[in-house]
PDB file of N, CA and C in Angstrom:
ATOM      1  N   UNK A   1      27.529  16.511 -14.645  1.00  0.00           N
ATOM      2  CA  UNK A   1      26.571  15.361 -14.858  1.00  0.00           C
ATOM      3  C   UNK A   1      25.288  15.108 -13.588  1.00  0.00           C
ATOM      4  N   UNK A   2      24.591  14.808 -14.050  1.00  0.00           N
ATOM      5  CA  UNK A   2      23.991  14.549 -12.676  1.00  0.00           C
ATOM      6  C   UNK A   2      23.421  12.373 -13.175  1.00  0.00           C
ATOM      7  N   UNK A   3      23.416  12.509 -12.305  1.00  0.00           N
ATOM      8  CA  UNK A   3      23.252  10.364 -12.312  1.00  0.00           C
ATOM      9  C   UNK A   3      21.666  10.434 -12.593  1.00  0.00           C
ATOM     10  N   UNK A   4      21.776   9.120 -12.305  1.00  0.00           N
ATOM     11  CA  UNK A   4      20.031   8.796 -12.365  1.00  0.00           C
ATOM     12  C   UNK A   4      19.732   7.251 -12.465  1.00  0.00           C
ATOM     13  N   UNK A   5      19.292   6.900 -10.619  1.00  0.00           N
ATOM     14  CA  UNK A   5      19.038   5.662 -10.413  1.00  0.00           C
ATOM     15  C   UNK A   5      17.239   4.720 -10.716  1.00  0.00           C
ATOM     16  N   UNK A   6      17.554   3.824 -11.220  1.00  0.00           N
ATOM     17  CA  UNK A   6      16.244   3.213 -10.869  1.00  0.00           C
ATOM     18  C   UNK A   6      15.884   2.387 -10.994  1.00  0.00           C
ATOM     19  N   UNK A   7      14.747   2.633  -9.724  1.00  0.00           N
ATOM     20  CA  UNK A   7      14.432   1.275  -9.013  1.00  0.00           C
ATOM     21  C   UNK A   7      12.551   0.730  -9.834  1.00  0.00           C
ATOM     22  N   UNK A   8      13.343  -0.778 -10.727  1.00  0.00           N
ATOM     23  CA  UNK A   8      12.014  -1.646 -10.266  1.00  0.00           C
ATOM     24  C   UNK A   8      12.549  -2.604  -9.435  1.00  0.00           C
ATOM     25  N   UNK A   9      10.779  -2.808  -9.193  1.00  0.00           N
ATOM     26  CA  UNK A   9       9.964  -4.535  -8.910  1.00  0.00           C
ATOM     27  C   UNK A   9       9.817  -5.457 -10.127  1.00  0.00           C
ATOM     28  N   UNK A  10      10.094  -6.677 -10.026  1.00  0.00           N
ATOM     29  CA  UNK A  10      10.203  -7.632 -10.308  1.00  0.00           C
ATOM     30  C   UNK A  10       8.675  -8.746 -10.553  1.00  0.00           C
ATOM     31  N   UNK A  11       8.136  -8.371  -9.120  1.00  0.00           N
ATOM     32  CA  UNK A  11       7.195  -8.668  -8.733  1.00  0.00           C
ATOM     33  C   UNK A  11       5.787  -8.917  -9.450  1.00  0.00           C
ATOM     34  N   UNK A  12       4.333  -9.639 -10.114  1.00  0.00           N
ATOM     35  CA  UNK A  12       3.764  -8.741 -10.167  1.00  0.00           C
ATOM     36  C   UNK A  12       3.142  -7.606 -10.012  1.00  0.00           C
ATOM     37  N   UNK A  13       2.770  -7.396 -10.835  1.00  0.00           N
ATOM     38  CA  UNK A  13       1.847  -5.713 -10.019  1.00  0.00           C
ATOM     39  C   UNK A  13       0.544  -6.469  -9.593  1.00  0.00           C
ATOM     40  N   UNK A  14       0.465  -6.213  -8.244  1.00  0.00           N
ATOM     41  CA  UNK A  14      -0.695  -6.717  -8.099  1.00  0.00           C
ATOM     42  C   UNK A  14      -1.588  -5.024  -7.935  1.00  0.00           C
ATOM     43  N   UNK A  15      -3.089  -4.901  -7.182  1.00  0.00           N
ATOM     44  CA  UNK A  15      -2.804  -3.900  -6.720  1.00  0.00           C
ATOM     45  C   UNK A  15      -2.202  -3.594  -5.260  1.00  0.00           C
ATOM     46  N   UNK A  16      -2.443  -4.708  -4.914  1.00  0.00           N
ATOM     47  CA  UNK A  16      -1.732  -4.789  -2.457  1.00  0.00           C
ATOM     48  C   UNK A  16      -0.036  -4.202  -3.335  1.00  0.00           C
ATOM     49  N   UNK A  17       0.742  -4.860  -4.016  1.00  0.00           N
ATOM     50  CA  UNK A  17       2.470  -4.728  -4.921  1.00  0.00           C
ATOM     51  C   UNK A  17       2.604  -3.028  -5.010  1.00  0.00           C
ATOM     52  N   UNK A  18       1.054  -2.491  -5.756  1.00  0.00           N
ATOM     53  CA  UNK A  18       1.048  -0.779  -6.288  1.00  0.00           C
ATOM     54  C   UNK A  18       1.164  -1.064  -4.812  1.00  0.00           C
ATOM     55  N   UNK A  19       0.401  -0.436  -4.388  1.00  0.00           N
ATOM     56  CA  UNK A  19      -0.034   0.575  -3.181  1.00  0.00           C
ATOM     57  C   UNK A  19       0.988   0.495  -2.698  1.00  0.00           C
ATOM     58  N   UNK A  20       1.748  -0.269  -2.031  1.00  0.00           N
ATOM     59  CA  UNK A  20       3.200  -0.776  -1.583  1.00  0.00           C
ATOM     60  C   UNK A  20       4.522   0.135  -1.799  1.00  0.00           C
ATOM     61  N   UNK A  21       4.734  -0.375  -3.118  1.00  0.00           N
ATOM     62  CA  UNK A  21       5.591   0.271  -3.714  1.00  0.00           C
ATOM     63  C   UNK A  21       5.103   1.721  -4.072  1.00  0.00           C
ATOM     64  N   UNK A  22       3.912   2.232  -4.688  1.00  0.00           N
ATOM     65  CA  UNK A  22       3.457   4.091  -4.380  1.00  0.00           C
ATOM     66  C   UNK A  22       4.277   4.426  -2.592  1.00  0.00           C
ATOM     67  N   UNK A  23       4.296   3.656  -1.967  1.00  0.00           N
ATOM     68  CA  UNK A  23       4.378   4.406  -0.920  1.00  0.00           C
ATOM     69  C   UNK A  23       5.973   4.573  -0.422  1.00  0.00           C
ATOM     70  N   UNK A  24       6.437   3.336  -0.984  1.00  0.00           N
ATOM     71  CA  UNK A  24       8.062   3.686  -0.568  1.00  0.00           C
ATOM     72  C   UNK A  24       8.870   3.927  -0.908  1.00  0.00           C
ATOM     73  N   UNK A  25       8.042   4.297  -2.981  1.00  0.00           N
ATOM     74  CA  UNK A  25       7.627   5.436  -2.997  1.00  0.00           C
ATOM     75  C   UNK A  25       8.336   7.616  -2.407  1.00  0.00           C
ATOM     76  N   UNK A  26       6.752   7.645  -2.133  1.00  0.00           N
ATOM     77  CA  UNK A  26       6.700   8.046  -1.097  1.00  0.00           C
ATOM     78  C   UNK A  26       7.207   8.891   0.190  1.00  0.00           C
ATOM     79  N   UNK A  27       7.914   7.506   0.613  1.00  0.00           N
ATOM     80  CA  UNK A  27       9.132   7.617   1.220  1.00  0.00           C
ATOM     81  C   UNK A  27      10.527   7.964   0.776  1.00  0.00           C
ATOM     82  N   UNK A  28      10.757   7.445  -0.103  1.00  0.00           N
ATOM     83  CA  UNK A  28      12.335   7.351  -0.451  1.00  0.00           C
ATOM     84  C   UNK A  28      11.395   9.367  -1.081  1.00  0.00           C
ATOM     85  N   UNK A  29      10.964   9.710  -1.173  1.00  0.00           N
ATOM     86  CA  UNK A  29      10.768  11.478  -1.799  1.00  0.00           C
ATOM     87  C   UNK A  29      10.718  12.316  -0.633  1.00  0.00           C
ATOM     88  N   UNK A  30      10.441  11.913   0.555  1.00  0.00           N
ATOM     89  CA  UNK A  30      10.250  13.083   1.983  1.00  0.00           C
ATOM     90  C   UNK A  30      11.891  12.660   2.152  1.00  0.00           C
ATOM     91  N   UNK A  31      12.689  10.938   2.337  1.00  0.00           N
ATOM     92  CA  UNK A  31      14.082  10.644   2.516  1.00  0.00           C
ATOM     93  C   UNK A  31      15.516  11.955   1.938  1.00  0.00           C
ATOM     94  N   UNK A  32      14.903  11.601   0.577  1.00  0.00           N
ATOM     95  CA  UNK A  32      15.183  12.485  -0.859  1.00  0.00           C
ATOM     96  C   UNK A  32      14.841  13.827  -1.038  1.00  0.00           C
ATOM     97  N   UNK A  33      14.065  14.908  -0.769  1.00  0.00           N
ATOM     98  CA  UNK A  33      13.549  15.796  -1.105  1.00  0.00           C
ATOM     99  C   UNK A  33      15.155  16.957  -1.122  1.00  0.00           C
ATOM    100  N   UNK A  34      15.263  17.248  -1.040  1.00  0.00           N
ATOM    101  CA  UNK A  34      16.597  18.152  -0.893  1.00  0.00           C
ATOM    102  C   UNK A  34      17.854  18.190  -1.379  1.00  0.00           C
ATOM    103  N   UNK A  35      18.205  16.519  -1.329  1.00  0.00           N
ATOM    104  CA  UNK A  35      18.845  16.046  -1.769  1.00  0.00           C
ATOM    105  C   UNK A  35      19.524  15.650  -3.879  1.00  0.00           C
ATOM    106  N   UNK A  36      18.093  15.254  -3.624  1.00  0.00           N
ATOM    107  CA  UNK A  36      17.847  14.768  -5.515  1.00  0.00           C
ATOM    108  C   UNK A  36      16.955  15.324  -6.051  1.00  0.00           C
ATOM    109  N   UNK A  37      16.410  14.719  -7.072  1.00  0.00           N
ATOM    110  CA  UNK A  37      14.302  14.939  -7.409  1.00  0.00           C
ATOM    111  C   UNK A  37      14.612  13.433  -7.612  1.00  0.00           C
ATOM    112  N   UNK A  38      12.414  13.325  -7.124  1.00  0.00           N
ATOM    113  CA  UNK A  38      12.076  12.151  -7.205  1.00  0.00           C
ATOM    114  C   UNK A  38      10.873  12.707  -7.203  1.00  0.00           C
ATOM    115  N   UNK A  39      10.039  12.454  -8.492  1.00  0.00           N
ATOM    116  CA  UNK A  39       9.394  13.553  -9.349  1.00  0.00           C
ATOM    117  C   UNK A  39       7.658  12.379  -8.327  1.00  0.00           C
ATOM    118  N   UNK A  40       6.775  13.109  -7.248  1.00  0.00           N
ATOM    119  CA  UNK A  40       5.578  12.934  -7.312  1.00  0.00           C
ATOM    120  C   UNK A  40       4.789  12.484  -8.169  1.00  0.00           C
ATOM    121  N   UNK A  41       4.333  12.984  -8.993  1.00  0.00           N
ATOM    122  CA  UNK A  41       3.049  12.618  -9.856  1.00  0.00           C
ATOM    123  C   UNK A  41       4.064  11.343 -10.526  1.00  0.00           C
ATOM    124  N   UNK A  42       5.782  11.088 -10.923  1.00  0.00           N
ATOM    125  CA  UNK A  42       5.940   9.439 -11.734  1.00  0.00           C
ATOM    126  C   UNK A  42       5.405   8.177 -10.335  1.00  0.00           C
ATOM    127  N   UNK A  43       5.237   9.009  -8.836  1.00  0.00           N
ATOM    128  CA  UNK A  43       5.384   7.715  -7.346  1.00  0.00           C
ATOM    129  C   UNK A  43       3.872   8.245  -8.156  1.00  0.00           C
ATOM    130  N   UNK A  44       2.937   9.021  -8.007  1.00  0.00           N
ATOM    131  CA  UNK A  44       1.519   8.499  -7.992  1.00  0.00           C
ATOM    132  C   UNK A  44       0.794   7.533  -9.461  1.00  0.00           C
ATOM    133  N   UNK A  45       1.837   7.748 -10.885  1.00  0.00           N
ATOM    134  CA  UNK A  45       1.331   6.317 -11.667  1.00  0.00           C
ATOM    135  C   UNK A  45       3.036   5.392 -11.239  1.00  0.00           C
ATOM    136  N   UNK A  46       3.076   5.302 -10.607  1.00  0.00           N
ATOM    137  CA  UNK A  46       4.244   3.871 -11.049  1.00  0.00           C
ATOM    138  C   UNK A  46       3.658   2.634 -10.813  1.00  0.00           C
ATOM    139  N   UNK A  47       3.672   1.109 -11.567  1.00  0.00           N
ATOM    140  CA  UNK A  47       3.494   0.937 -11.292  1.00  0.00           C
ATOM    141  C   UNK A  47       4.894  -0.807 -11.008  1.00  0.00           C
ATOM    142  N   UNK A  48       5.827  -0.524 -11.722  1.00  0.00           N
ATOM    143  CA  UNK A  48       7.262  -0.826 -11.419  1.00  0.00           C
ATOM    144  C   UNK A  48       8.431  -0.572 -12.234  1.00  0.00           C
ATOM    145  N   UNK A  49       7.999   0.575 -11.568  1.00  0.00           N
ATOM    146  CA  UNK A  49       9.913   1.614 -11.580  1.00  0.00           C
ATOM    147  C   UNK A  49       9.582   2.785 -11.441  1.00  0.00           C
ATOM    148  N   UNK A  50      10.544   3.032 -10.495  1.00  0.00           N
ATOM    149  CA  UNK A  50      10.863   5.012 -10.669  1.00  0.00           C
ATOM    150  C   UNK A  50      12.106   5.055 -10.399  1.00  0.00           C
ATOM    151  N   UNK A  51      12.069   6.647 -10.817  1.00  0.00           N
ATOM    152  CA  UNK A  51      13.164   6.970 -10.995  1.00  0.00           C
ATOM    153  C   UNK A  51      14.153   8.045  -9.692  1.00  0.00           C
ATOM    154  N   UNK A  52      14.398   8.614  -9.314  1.00  0.00           N
ATOM    155  CA  UNK A  52      15.135   8.990  -8.756  1.00  0.00           C
ATOM    156  C   UNK A  52      16.835   9.625  -9.907  1.00  0.00           C
ATOM    157  N   UNK A  53      16.391  10.692  -9.207  1.00  0.00           N
ATOM    158  CA  UNK A  53      17.150  11.637 -11.145  1.00  0.00           C
ATOM    159  C   UNK A  53      18.358  12.766 -10.124  1.00  0.00           C
ATOM    160  N   UNK A  54      18.811  13.105 -10.792  1.00  0.00           N
ATOM    161  CA  UNK A  54      19.326  15.174 -10.436  1.00  0.00           C
ATOM    162  C   UNK A  54      20.488  14.930  -9.273  1.00  0.00           C
ATOM    163  N   UNK A  55      21.117  13.436  -9.728  1.00  0.00           N
ATOM    164  CA  UNK A  55      21.913  12.937  -8.364  1.00  0.00           C
ATOM    165  C   UNK A  55      23.328  12.979  -8.794  1.00  0.00           C
ATOM    166  N   UNK A  56      24.270  13.812  -7.782  1.00  0.00           N
ATOM    167  CA  UNK A  56      25.262  14.577  -8.408  1.00  0.00           C
ATOM    168  C   UNK A  56      26.176  13.125  -7.775  1.00  0.00           C
ATOM    169  N   UNK A  57      28.043  12.782  -8.908  1.00  0.00           N
ATOM    170  CA  UNK A  57      28.767  12.371  -8.630  1.00  0.00           C
ATOM    171  C   UNK A  57      28.596  10.945  -7.961  1.00  0.00           C
ATOM    172  N   UNK A  58      28.746  12.590  -6.712  1.00  0.00           N
ATOM    173  CA  UNK A  58      29.505  11.839  -5.092  1.00  0.00           C
ATOM    174  C   UNK A  58      29.323  11.137  -4.470  1.00  0.00           C
ATOM    175  N   UNK A  59      27.131  12.052  -4.628  1.00  0.00           N
ATOM    176  CA  UNK A  59      26.254  10.934  -4.366  1.00  0.00           C
ATOM    177  C   UNK A  59      25.431  10.281  -3.773  1.00  0.00           C
ATOM    178  N   UNK A  60      26.231   9.964  -5.710  1.00  0.00           N
ATOM    179  CA  UNK A  60      25.660   7.990  -5.693  1.00  0.00           C
ATOM    180  C   UNK A  60      25.370   7.096  -4.623  1.00  0.00           C
ATOM    181  N   UNK A  61      26.900   6.759  -3.363  1.00  0.00           N
ATOM    182  CA  UNK A  61      27.078   5.916  -2.767  1.00  0.00           C
ATOM    183  C   UNK A  61      26.153   6.307  -1.622  1.00  0.00           C
ATOM    184  N   UNK A  62      26.305   7.095  -1.099  1.00  0.00           N
ATOM    185  CA  UNK A  62      24.697   7.645   0.443  1.00  0.00           C
ATOM    186  C   UNK A  62      22.997   8.300  -0.368  1.00  0.00           C
ATOM    187  N   UNK A  63      23.435   8.535  -2.175  1.00  0.00           N
ATOM    188  CA  UNK A  63      21.972   8.328  -2.346  1.00  0.00           C
ATOM    189  C   UNK A  63      20.929   6.703  -1.779  1.00  0.00           C
ATOM    190  N   UNK A  64      22.447   5.384  -3.011  1.00  0.00           N
ATOM    191  CA  UNK A  64      21.871   4.560  -2.861  1.00  0.00           C
ATOM    192  C   UNK A  64      22.139   4.035  -1.688  1.00  0.00           C
ATOM    193  N   UNK A  65      22.175   4.393  -0.238  1.00  0.00           N
ATOM    194  CA  UNK A  65      22.679   3.556   1.124  1.00  0.00           C
ATOM    195  C   UNK A  65      21.341   3.793   1.301  1.00  0.00           C
ATOM    196  N   UNK A  66      20.536   5.699   1.730  1.00  0.00           N
ATOM    197  CA  UNK A  66      19.673   5.555   2.422  1.00  0.00           C
ATOM    198  C   UNK A  66      17.987   5.316   1.530  1.00  0.00           C
ATOM    199  N   UNK A  67      18.180   5.003   0.659  1.00  0.00           N
ATOM    200  CA  UNK A  67      16.980   4.595  -0.533  1.00  0.00           C
ATOM    201  C   UNK A  67      17.120   2.612   0.128  1.00  0.00           C
ATOM    202  N   UNK A  68      18.493   1.763  -0.142  1.00  0.00           N
ATOM    203  CA  UNK A  68      19.200   0.856   0.969  1.00  0.00           C
ATOM    204  C   UNK A  68      17.620   0.504   2.429  1.00  0.00           C
ATOM    205  N   UNK A  69      17.611   1.272   3.007  1.00  0.00           N
ATOM    206  CA  UNK A  69      17.844   1.174   4.151  1.00  0.00           C
ATOM    207  C   UNK A  69      15.894   1.807   4.523  1.00  0.00           C
ATOM    208  N   UNK A  70      15.436   2.069   3.539  1.00  0.00           N
ATOM    209  CA  UNK A  70      13.891   3.059   3.163  1.00  0.00           C
ATOM    210  C   UNK A  70      13.667   1.443   3.012  1.00  0.00           C
ATOM    211  N   UNK A  71      13.981   0.320   1.543  1.00  0.00           N
ATOM    212  CA  UNK A  71      13.368  -0.694   1.376  1.00  0.00           C
ATOM    213  C   UNK A  71      13.812  -1.319   3.079  1.00  0.00           C
ATOM    214  N   UNK A  72      14.774  -1.968   3.968  1.00  0.00           N
ATOM    215  CA  UNK A  72      14.709  -2.516   4.898  1.00  0.00           C
ATOM    216  C   UNK A  72      13.430  -2.024   5.556  1.00  0.00           C
ATOM    217  N   UNK A  73      12.699  -1.061   6.005  1.00  0.00           N
ATOM    218  CA  UNK A  73      11.276  -0.270   6.297  1.00  0.00           C
ATOM    219  C   UNK A  73      10.349  -1.871   6.096  1.00  0.00           C
TER     220      UNK A  73
END
């Protein structure tokens, strides 16, 4: 059974925040493209939430670390 990680922001969705969040989603998509599913259409519409889907249970920890590294950038 696959897992899903939901990424949410709590800041008010100003145009700048939304732009940065979508760029973050695109970075995640590039980093995780062959390991799980990040829907580019969802990224393009994202305001405060993104989902990373189809993660194998054994990969949840490593995928989380990749997302955290992208967030640090």
